[in-house]
C-alpha atoms as a PDB file:
ATOM      1  CA  UNK A   1     -10.671 -19.734  -9.911  1.00  0.00           C
ATOM      2  CA  UNK A   2     -11.330 -18.463 -13.276  1.00  0.00           C
ATOM      3  CA  UNK A   3     -10.243 -14.799 -13.027  1.00  0.00           C
ATOM      4  CA  UNK A   4     -12.108 -11.870 -14.892  1.00  0.00           C
ATOM      5  CA  UNK A   5     -10.365  -8.627 -14.819  1.00  0.00           C
ATOM      6  CA  UNK A   6     -13.174  -6.067 -14.887  1.00  0.00           C
ATOM      7  CA  UNK A   7     -11.472  -2.583 -13.960  1.00  0.00           C
ATOM      8  CA  UNK A   8     -11.488   0.633 -15.754  1.00  0.00           C
ATOM      9  CA  UNK A   9      -9.081   3.269 -15.553  1.00  0.00           C
ATOM     10  CA  UNK A  10     -10.177   6.324 -13.443  1.00  0.00           C
ATOM     11  CA  UNK A  11     -12.652   4.696 -11.361  1.00  0.00           C
ATOM     12  CA  UNK A  12     -13.292   5.202  -7.906  1.00  0.00           C
ATOM     13  CA  UNK A  13     -14.945   2.920  -5.248  1.00  0.00           C
ATOM     14  CA  UNK A  14     -18.381   4.730  -5.644  1.00  0.00           C
ATOM     15  CA  UNK A  15     -18.581   3.943  -9.377  1.00  0.00           C
ATOM     16  CA  UNK A  16     -17.424   0.329  -8.637  1.00  0.00           C
ATOM     17  CA  UNK A  17     -20.515   0.163  -6.283  1.00  0.00           C
ATOM     18  CA  UNK A  18     -22.673   1.885  -8.661  1.00  0.00           C
ATOM     19  CA  UNK A  19     -22.097  -0.621 -11.341  1.00  0.00           C
ATOM     20  CA  UNK A  20     -21.712  -3.512  -9.135  1.00  0.00           C
ATOM     21  CA  UNK A  21     -24.187  -5.516 -11.089  1.00  0.00           C
ATOM     22  CA  UNK A  22     -22.587  -5.150 -14.398  1.00  0.00           C
ATOM     23  CA  UNK A  23     -18.976  -5.619 -13.079  1.00  0.00           C
ATOM     24  CA  UNK A  24     -19.241  -8.144 -10.498  1.00  0.00           C
ATOM     25  CA  UNK A  25     -22.883  -9.628  -9.998  1.00  0.00           C
ATOM     26  CA  UNK A  26     -23.236 -10.477 -13.497  1.00  0.00           C
ATOM     27  CA  UNK A  27     -20.526 -13.192 -13.540  1.00  0.00           C
ATOM     28  CA  UNK A  28     -22.109 -14.808 -10.479  1.00  0.00           C
ATOM     29  CA  UNK A  29     -18.551 -14.994  -8.750  1.00  0.00           C
ATOM     30  CA  UNK A  30     -17.319 -17.240  -5.913  1.00  0.00           C
ATOM     31  CA  UNK A  31     -14.834 -14.681  -4.785  1.00  0.00           C
ATOM     32  CA  UNK A  32     -13.890 -11.243  -5.775  1.00  0.00           C
ATOM     33  CA  UNK A  33     -10.612  -9.438  -5.415  1.00  0.00           C
ATOM     34  CA  UNK A  34     -10.947  -5.803  -5.462  1.00  0.00           C
ATOM     35  CA  UNK A  35      -7.917  -3.319  -5.971  1.00  0.00           C
ATOM     36  CA  UNK A  36      -9.332   0.165  -5.215  1.00  0.00           C
ATOM     37  CA  UNK A  37      -8.794   3.291  -3.244  1.00  0.00           C
ATOM     38  CA  UNK A  38      -5.917   4.881  -5.304  1.00  0.00           C
ATOM     39  CA  UNK A  39      -8.016   7.069  -7.050  1.00  0.00           C
ATOM     40  CA  UNK A  40     -10.081   8.090  -4.085  1.00  0.00           C
ATOM     41  CA  UNK A  41      -7.280   9.026  -2.255  1.00  0.00           C
ATOM     42  CA  UNK A  42      -5.541  11.040  -5.028  1.00  0.00           C
ATOM     43  CA  UNK A  43      -8.801  12.742  -5.556  1.00  0.00           C
ATOM     44  CA  UNK A  44      -8.452  14.065  -1.807  1.00  0.00           C
ATOM     45  CA  UNK A  45     -10.921  11.505  -0.216  1.00  0.00           C
ATOM     46  CA  UNK A  46      -9.635  10.479   3.516  1.00  0.00           C
ATOM     47  CA  UNK A  47      -8.651   6.996   4.237  1.00  0.00           C
ATOM     48  CA  UNK A  48     -11.725   6.681   6.660  1.00  0.00           C
ATOM     49  CA  UNK A  49     -13.955   7.673   3.628  1.00  0.00           C
ATOM     50  CA  UNK A  50     -12.066   5.003   1.172  1.00  0.00           C
ATOM     51  CA  UNK A  51     -12.968   2.247   3.796  1.00  0.00           C
ATOM     52  CA  UNK A  52     -16.556   3.590   4.288  1.00  0.00           C
ATOM     53  CA  UNK A  53     -16.837   3.253   0.345  1.00  0.00           C
ATOM     54  CA  UNK A  54     -15.066  -0.133   0.339  1.00  0.00           C
ATOM     55  CA  UNK A  55     -17.778  -1.371   2.949  1.00  0.00           C
ATOM     56  CA  UNK A  56     -20.615  -0.150   0.829  1.00  0.00           C
ATOM     57  CA  UNK A  57     -19.270  -2.182  -1.938  1.00  0.00           C
ATOM     58  CA  UNK A  58     -18.979  -5.435  -0.097  1.00  0.00           C
ATOM     59  CA  UNK A  59     -22.419  -4.839   1.424  1.00  0.00           C
ATOM     60  CA  UNK A  60     -23.968  -4.614  -2.197  1.00  0.00           C
ATOM     61  CA  UNK A  61     -22.048  -7.741  -3.307  1.00  0.00           C
ATOM     62  CA  UNK A  62     -23.146  -9.571  -0.112  1.00  0.00           C
ATOM     63  CA  UNK A  63     -26.686  -8.306  -0.298  1.00  0.00           C
ATOM     64  CA  UNK A  64     -27.006  -9.917  -3.830  1.00  0.00           C
ATOM     65  CA  UNK A  65     -24.763 -12.755  -3.417  1.00  0.00           C
ATOM     66  CA  UNK A  66     -24.074 -13.448   0.426  1.00  0.00           C
ATOM     67  CA  UNK A  67     -21.637 -16.524   0.022  1.00  0.00           C
ATOM     68  CA  UNK A  68     -19.285 -14.624  -2.258  1.00  0.00           C
ATOM     69  CA  UNK A  69     -15.870 -14.541  -0.499  1.00  0.00           C
END
């Protein structure tokens, strides 16, 4: 895989999901590796809340590009 790092400092999962088109989908990825949740937890989000936001991100990616790993 050709790797493109698209993160930005201070972002939380809801930010990544809000900008999924620009950050992820614009690149037509074959796979996505997501490192996220640390800032959410630091802001007081519960683990269950972080997981819900993760699932929303995955749903947004798969809605547009179902074959992405």
